[in-house]
Amino acid sequence: MKQSEVLDEIRAAQYLGCTVHALRAWRFRRVGPPWYKVGRLVRYRVSDLDQFLTANRVEPEAEVKR
């Protein structure tokens, strides 16, 4: 794994457009993107963040014709 592929929680939150608090809440509830715990450090792979975004994509429903 390349160093550039791994983000700390601040950069991961920026990447996702959310807050660090949201990431921490997701980890506590065991939801959200996968993470790595190295001692006290929390790290996220960019590819995992991309998969998380793709999995949570919402397609708008087509307008119903009347």
PDB file of N, CA and C in Angstrom:
ATOM      1  N   MET A   1       0.857  -1.181   0.000  1.00  0.00           N
ATOM      2  CA  MET A   1       0.000   0.000   0.000  1.00  0.00           C
ATOM      3  C   MET A   1       0.898   1.237   0.000  1.00  0.00           C
ATOM      4  N   LYS A   2       0.675   2.119  -0.913  1.00  0.00           N
ATOM      5  CA  LYS A   2       1.462   3.339  -1.007  1.00  0.00           C
ATOM      6  C   LYS A   2       1.005   4.348   0.038  1.00  0.00           C
ATOM      7  N   GLN A   3       1.934   5.136   0.524  1.00  0.00           N
ATOM      8  CA  GLN A   3       1.614   6.163   1.520  1.00  0.00           C
ATOM      9  C   GLN A   3       0.557   7.136   0.993  1.00  0.00           C
ATOM     10  N   SER A   4       0.604   7.448  -0.301  1.00  0.00           N
ATOM     11  CA  SER A   4      -0.338   8.410  -0.875  1.00  0.00           C
ATOM     12  C   SER A   4      -1.760   7.858  -0.946  1.00  0.00           C
ATOM     13  N   GLU A   5      -1.914   6.547  -0.806  1.00  0.00           N
ATOM     14  CA  GLU A   5      -3.236   5.932  -0.867  1.00  0.00           C
ATOM     15  C   GLU A   5      -3.938   5.949   0.487  1.00  0.00           C
ATOM     16  N   VAL A   6      -3.255   6.383   1.534  1.00  0.00           N
ATOM     17  CA  VAL A   6      -3.788   6.331   2.888  1.00  0.00           C
ATOM     18  C   VAL A   6      -3.953   7.748   3.432  1.00  0.00           C
ATOM     19  N   LEU A   7      -5.126   8.013   4.000  1.00  0.00           N
ATOM     20  CA  LEU A   7      -5.424   9.337   4.543  1.00  0.00           C
ATOM     21  C   LEU A   7      -5.689   9.252   6.037  1.00  0.00           C
ATOM     22  N   ASP A   8      -5.304  10.284   6.767  1.00  0.00           N
ATOM     23  CA  ASP A   8      -5.701  10.362   8.173  1.00  0.00           C
ATOM     24  C   ASP A   8      -7.163  10.793   8.231  1.00  0.00           C
ATOM     25  N   GLU A   9      -7.737  10.823   9.426  1.00  0.00           N
ATOM     26  CA  GLU A   9      -9.172  11.086   9.506  1.00  0.00           C
ATOM     27  C   GLU A   9      -9.545  12.511   9.087  1.00  0.00           C
ATOM     28  N   ILE A  10      -8.658  13.453   9.235  1.00  0.00           N
ATOM     29  CA  ILE A  10      -8.951  14.823   8.805  1.00  0.00           C
ATOM     30  C   ILE A  10      -9.053  14.888   7.290  1.00  0.00           C
ATOM     31  N   ARG A  11      -8.074  14.303   6.617  1.00  0.00           N
ATOM     32  CA  ARG A  11      -8.089  14.313   5.148  1.00  0.00           C
ATOM     33  C   ARG A  11      -9.202  13.424   4.598  1.00  0.00           C
ATOM     34  N   ALA A  12      -9.497  12.330   5.280  1.00  0.00           N
ATOM     35  CA  ALA A  12     -10.592  11.459   4.852  1.00  0.00           C
ATOM     36  C   ALA A  12     -11.930  12.194   4.945  1.00  0.00           C
ATOM     37  N   ALA A  13     -12.120  12.944   6.013  1.00  0.00           N
ATOM     38  CA  ALA A  13     -13.356  13.723   6.172  1.00  0.00           C
ATOM     39  C   ALA A  13     -13.461  14.767   5.066  1.00  0.00           C
ATOM     40  N   GLN A  14     -12.363  15.437   4.760  1.00  0.00           N
ATOM     41  CA  GLN A  14     -12.362  16.414   3.675  1.00  0.00           C
ATOM     42  C   GLN A  14     -12.680  15.736   2.345  1.00  0.00           C
ATOM     43  N   TYR A  15     -12.119  14.574   2.115  1.00  0.00           N
ATOM     44  CA  TYR A  15     -12.335  13.828   0.880  1.00  0.00           C
ATOM     45  C   TYR A  15     -13.810  13.480   0.713  1.00  0.00           C
ATOM     46  N   LEU A  16     -14.455  13.087   1.821  1.00  0.00           N
ATOM     47  CA  LEU A  16     -15.863  12.709   1.787  1.00  0.00           C
ATOM     48  C   LEU A  16     -16.804  13.910   1.893  1.00  0.00           C
ATOM     49  N   GLY A  17     -16.270  15.053   2.301  1.00  0.00           N
ATOM     50  CA  GLY A  17     -17.115  16.228   2.479  1.00  0.00           C
ATOM     51  C   GLY A  17     -17.942  16.160   3.750  1.00  0.00           C
ATOM     52  N   CYS A  18     -17.411  15.506   4.763  1.00  0.00           N
ATOM     53  CA  CYS A  18     -18.104  15.412   6.051  1.00  0.00           C
ATOM     54  C   CYS A  18     -17.171  15.912   7.145  1.00  0.00           C
ATOM     55  N   THR A  19     -17.604  15.804   8.381  1.00  0.00           N
ATOM     56  CA  THR A  19     -16.772  16.238   9.502  1.00  0.00           C
ATOM     57  C   THR A  19     -16.012  15.059  10.093  1.00  0.00           C
ATOM     58  N   VAL A  20     -14.954  15.368  10.818  1.00  0.00           N
ATOM     59  CA  VAL A  20     -14.218  14.342  11.546  1.00  0.00           C
ATOM     60  C   VAL A  20     -15.147  13.708  12.582  1.00  0.00           C
ATOM     61  N   HIS A  21     -16.012  14.526  13.178  1.00  0.00           N
ATOM     62  CA  HIS A  21     -16.968  14.009  14.155  1.00  0.00           C
ATOM     63  C   HIS A  21     -17.867  12.944  13.524  1.00  0.00           C
ATOM     64  N   ALA A  22     -18.302  13.157  12.292  1.00  0.00           N
ATOM     65  CA  ALA A  22     -19.136  12.170  11.601  1.00  0.00           C
ATOM     66  C   ALA A  22     -18.367  10.862  11.407  1.00  0.00           C
ATOM     67  N   LEU A  23     -17.112  10.948  10.979  1.00  0.00           N
ATOM     68  CA  LEU A  23     -16.304   9.732  10.816  1.00  0.00           C
ATOM     69  C   LEU A  23     -16.165   8.989  12.134  1.00  0.00           C
ATOM     70  N   ARG A  24     -15.921   9.722  13.201  1.00  0.00           N
ATOM     71  CA  ARG A  24     -15.771   9.084  14.521  1.00  0.00           C
ATOM     72  C   ARG A  24     -17.076   8.427  14.971  1.00  0.00           C
ATOM     73  N   ALA A  25     -18.189   9.094  14.702  1.00  0.00           N
ATOM     74  CA  ALA A  25     -19.493   8.519  15.058  1.00  0.00           C
ATOM     75  C   ALA A  25     -19.752   7.252  14.244  1.00  0.00           C
ATOM     76  N   TRP A  26     -19.399   7.268  12.961  1.00  0.00           N
ATOM     77  CA  TRP A  26     -19.578   6.083  12.121  1.00  0.00           C
ATOM     78  C   TRP A  26     -18.713   4.930  12.629  1.00  0.00           C
ATOM     79  N   ARG A  27     -17.479   5.235  13.023  1.00  0.00           N
ATOM     80  CA  ARG A  27     -16.611   4.173  13.542  1.00  0.00           C
ATOM     81  C   ARG A  27     -17.189   3.599  14.830  1.00  0.00           C
ATOM     82  N   PHE A  28     -17.679   4.453  15.694  1.00  0.00           N
ATOM     83  CA  PHE A  28     -18.258   4.005  16.958  1.00  0.00           C
ATOM     84  C   PHE A  28     -19.446   3.081  16.710  1.00  0.00           C
ATOM     85  N   ARG A  29     -20.265   3.418  15.713  1.00  0.00           N
ATOM     86  CA  ARG A  29     -21.459   2.628  15.385  1.00  0.00           C
ATOM     87  C   ARG A  29     -21.139   1.474  14.428  1.00  0.00           C
ATOM     88  N   ARG A  30     -19.879   1.386  13.986  1.00  0.00           N
ATOM     89  CA  ARG A  30     -19.428   0.352  13.049  1.00  0.00           C
ATOM     90  C   ARG A  30     -20.145   0.444  11.707  1.00  0.00           C
ATOM     91  N   VAL A  31     -20.337   1.668  11.230  1.00  0.00           N
ATOM     92  CA  VAL A  31     -20.887   1.924   9.903  1.00  0.00           C
ATOM     93  C   VAL A  31     -19.904   2.842   9.187  1.00  0.00           C
ATOM     94  N   GLY A  32     -20.179   3.167   7.958  1.00  0.00           N
ATOM     95  CA  GLY A  32     -19.287   4.060   7.222  1.00  0.00           C
ATOM     96  C   GLY A  32     -18.194   3.285   6.530  1.00  0.00           C
ATOM     97  N   PRO A  33     -17.195   3.995   6.025  1.00  0.00           N
ATOM     98  CA  PRO A  33     -16.126   3.338   5.269  1.00  0.00           C
ATOM     99  C   PRO A  33     -15.208   2.534   6.181  1.00  0.00           C
ATOM    100  N   PRO A  34     -14.582   1.476   5.635  1.00  0.00           N
ATOM    101  CA  PRO A  34     -13.615   0.697   6.416  1.00  0.00           C
ATOM    102  C   PRO A  34     -12.428   1.573   6.821  1.00  0.00           C
ATOM    103  N   TRP A  35     -11.789   1.237   7.914  1.00  0.00           N
ATOM    104  CA  TRP A  35     -10.639   1.987   8.400  1.00  0.00           C
ATOM    105  C   TRP A  35      -9.584   1.034   8.937  1.00  0.00           C
ATOM    106  N   TYR A  36      -8.390   1.563   9.127  1.00  0.00           N
ATOM    107  CA  TYR A  36      -7.280   0.832   9.717  1.00  0.00           C
ATOM    108  C   TYR A  36      -6.931   1.501  11.031  1.00  0.00           C
ATOM    109  N   LYS A  37      -6.616   0.695  12.011  1.00  0.00           N
ATOM    110  CA  LYS A  37      -6.212   1.215  13.315  1.00  0.00           C
ATOM    111  C   LYS A  37      -4.776   0.762  13.535  1.00  0.00           C
ATOM    112  N   VAL A  38      -3.870   1.723  13.629  1.00  0.00           N
ATOM    113  CA  VAL A  38      -2.453   1.438  13.847  1.00  0.00           C
ATOM    114  C   VAL A  38      -2.075   2.122  15.152  1.00  0.00           C
ATOM    115  N   GLY A  39      -2.081   1.349  16.226  1.00  0.00           N
ATOM    116  CA  GLY A  39      -1.887   1.960  17.540  1.00  0.00           C
ATOM    117  C   GLY A  39      -3.061   2.885  17.817  1.00  0.00           C
ATOM    118  N   ARG A  40      -2.766   4.163  18.009  1.00  0.00           N
ATOM    119  CA  ARG A  40      -3.820   5.153  18.230  1.00  0.00           C
ATOM    120  C   ARG A  40      -4.223   5.869  16.944  1.00  0.00           C
ATOM    121  N   LEU A  41      -3.534   5.553  15.860  1.00  0.00           N
ATOM    122  CA  LEU A  41      -3.789   6.225  14.587  1.00  0.00           C
ATOM    123  C   LEU A  41      -4.910   5.535  13.823  1.00  0.00           C
ATOM    124  N   VAL A  42      -5.738   6.332  13.168  1.00  0.00           N
ATOM    125  CA  VAL A  42      -6.803   5.824  12.308  1.00  0.00           C
ATOM    126  C   VAL A  42      -6.487   6.276  10.890  1.00  0.00           C
ATOM    127  N   ARG A  43      -6.545   5.334   9.961  1.00  0.00           N
ATOM    128  CA  ARG A  43      -6.235   5.636   8.569  1.00  0.00           C
ATOM    129  C   ARG A  43      -7.306   5.054   7.658  1.00  0.00           C
ATOM    130  N   TYR A  44      -7.509   5.717   6.515  1.00  0.00           N
ATOM    131  CA  TYR A  44      -8.480   5.298   5.514  1.00  0.00           C
ATOM    132  C   TYR A  44      -7.789   5.171   4.172  1.00  0.00           C
ATOM    133  N   ARG A  45      -8.095   4.108   3.434  1.00  0.00           N
ATOM    134  CA  ARG A  45      -7.594   3.974   2.061  1.00  0.00           C
ATOM    135  C   ARG A  45      -8.522   4.744   1.138  1.00  0.00           C
ATOM    136  N   VAL A  46      -7.947   5.441   0.183  1.00  0.00           N
ATOM    137  CA  VAL A  46      -8.732   6.216  -0.780  1.00  0.00           C
ATOM    138  C   VAL A  46      -9.674   5.297  -1.546  1.00  0.00           C
ATOM    139  N   SER A  47      -9.211   4.122  -1.922  1.00  0.00           N
ATOM    140  CA  SER A  47     -10.068   3.186  -2.660  1.00  0.00           C
ATOM    141  C   SER A  47     -11.282   2.763  -1.829  1.00  0.00           C
ATOM    142  N   ASP A  48     -11.121   2.615  -0.504  1.00  0.00           N
ATOM    143  CA  ASP A  48     -12.252   2.287   0.371  1.00  0.00           C
ATOM    144  C   ASP A  48     -13.238   3.452   0.444  1.00  0.00           C
ATOM    145  N   LEU A  49     -12.718   4.663   0.460  1.00  0.00           N
ATOM    146  CA  LEU A  49     -13.593   5.839   0.493  1.00  0.00           C
ATOM    147  C   LEU A  49     -14.384   5.945  -0.813  1.00  0.00           C
ATOM    148  N   ASP A  50     -13.718   5.660  -1.933  1.00  0.00           N
ATOM    149  CA  ASP A  50     -14.407   5.682  -3.227  1.00  0.00           C
ATOM    150  C   ASP A  50     -15.507   4.624  -3.280  1.00  0.00           C
ATOM    151  N   GLN A  51     -15.219   3.427  -2.780  1.00  0.00           N
ATOM    152  CA  GLN A  51     -16.225   2.365  -2.760  1.00  0.00           C
ATOM    153  C   GLN A  51     -17.393   2.740  -1.855  1.00  0.00           C
ATOM    154  N   PHE A  52     -17.105   3.376  -0.730  1.00  0.00           N
ATOM    155  CA  PHE A  52     -18.154   3.822   0.185  1.00  0.00           C
ATOM    156  C   PHE A  52     -19.071   4.835  -0.506  1.00  0.00           C
ATOM    157  N   LEU A  53     -18.474   5.773  -1.215  1.00  0.00           N
ATOM    158  CA  LEU A  53     -19.273   6.763  -1.935  1.00  0.00           C
ATOM    159  C   LEU A  53     -20.137   6.105  -3.007  1.00  0.00           C
ATOM    160  N   THR A  54     -19.559   5.195  -3.752  1.00  0.00           N
ATOM    161  CA  THR A  54     -20.304   4.499  -4.802  1.00  0.00           C
ATOM    162  C   THR A  54     -21.454   3.681  -4.211  1.00  0.00           C
ATOM    163  N   ALA A  55     -21.198   3.004  -3.100  1.00  0.00           N
ATOM    164  CA  ALA A  55     -22.230   2.170  -2.473  1.00  0.00           C
ATOM    165  C   ALA A  55     -23.382   3.001  -1.914  1.00  0.00           C
ATOM    166  N   ASN A  56     -23.119   4.258  -1.621  1.00  0.00           N
ATOM    167  CA  ASN A  56     -24.145   5.116  -1.034  1.00  0.00           C
ATOM    168  C   ASN A  56     -24.727   6.115  -2.028  1.00  0.00           C
ATOM    169  N   ARG A  57     -24.504   5.858  -3.291  1.00  0.00           N
ATOM    170  CA  ARG A  57     -25.062   6.724  -4.329  1.00  0.00           C
ATOM    171  C   ARG A  57     -26.573   6.521  -4.400  1.00  0.00           C
ATOM    172  N   VAL A  58     -27.287   7.602  -4.495  1.00  0.00           N
ATOM    173  CA  VAL A  58     -28.741   7.546  -4.585  1.00  0.00           C
ATOM    174  C   VAL A  58     -29.153   8.087  -5.942  1.00  0.00           C
ATOM    175  N   GLU A  59     -29.856   7.274  -6.691  1.00  0.00           N
ATOM    176  CA  GLU A  59     -30.360   7.686  -8.002  1.00  0.00           C
ATOM    177  C   GLU A  59     -31.742   8.305  -7.809  1.00  0.00           C
ATOM    178  N   PRO A  60     -31.956   9.490  -8.309  1.00  0.00           N
ATOM    179  CA  PRO A  60     -33.299  10.084  -8.198  1.00  0.00           C
ATOM    180  C   PRO A  60     -34.271   9.293  -9.055  1.00  0.00           C
ATOM    181  N   GLU A  61     -35.476   9.194  -8.541  1.00  0.00           N
ATOM    182  CA  GLU A  61     -36.502   8.476  -9.300  1.00  0.00           C
ATOM    183  C   GLU A  61     -36.967   9.353 -10.460  1.00  0.00           C
ATOM    184  N   ALA A  62     -37.347   8.674 -11.526  1.00  0.00           N
ATOM    185  CA  ALA A  62     -37.852   9.399 -12.692  1.00  0.00           C
ATOM    186  C   ALA A  62     -39.178  10.060 -12.323  1.00  0.00           C
ATOM    187  N   GLU A  63     -39.399  11.205 -12.912  1.00  0.00           N
ATOM    188  CA  GLU A  63     -40.650  11.910 -12.651  1.00  0.00           C
ATOM    189  C   GLU A  63     -41.822  11.095 -13.203  1.00  0.00           C
ATOM    190  N   VAL A  64     -42.835  10.947 -12.403  1.00  0.00           N
ATOM    191  CA  VAL A  64     -44.010  10.171 -12.795  1.00  0.00           C
ATOM    192  C   VAL A  64     -44.903  11.047 -13.657  1.00  0.00           C
ATOM    193  N   LYS A  65     -45.231  10.542 -14.856  1.00  0.00           N
ATOM    194  CA  LYS A  65     -46.119  11.283 -15.761  1.00  0.00           C
ATOM    195  C   LYS A  65     -47.552  10.991 -15.382  1.00  0.00           C
ATOM    196  N   ARG A  66     -48.376  12.012 -15.367  1.00  0.00           N
ATOM    197  CA  ARG A  66     -49.793  11.833 -15.012  1.00  0.00           C
ATOM    198  C   ARG A  66     -50.668  12.113 -16.189  1.00  0.00           C
TER     199      ARG A  66
END
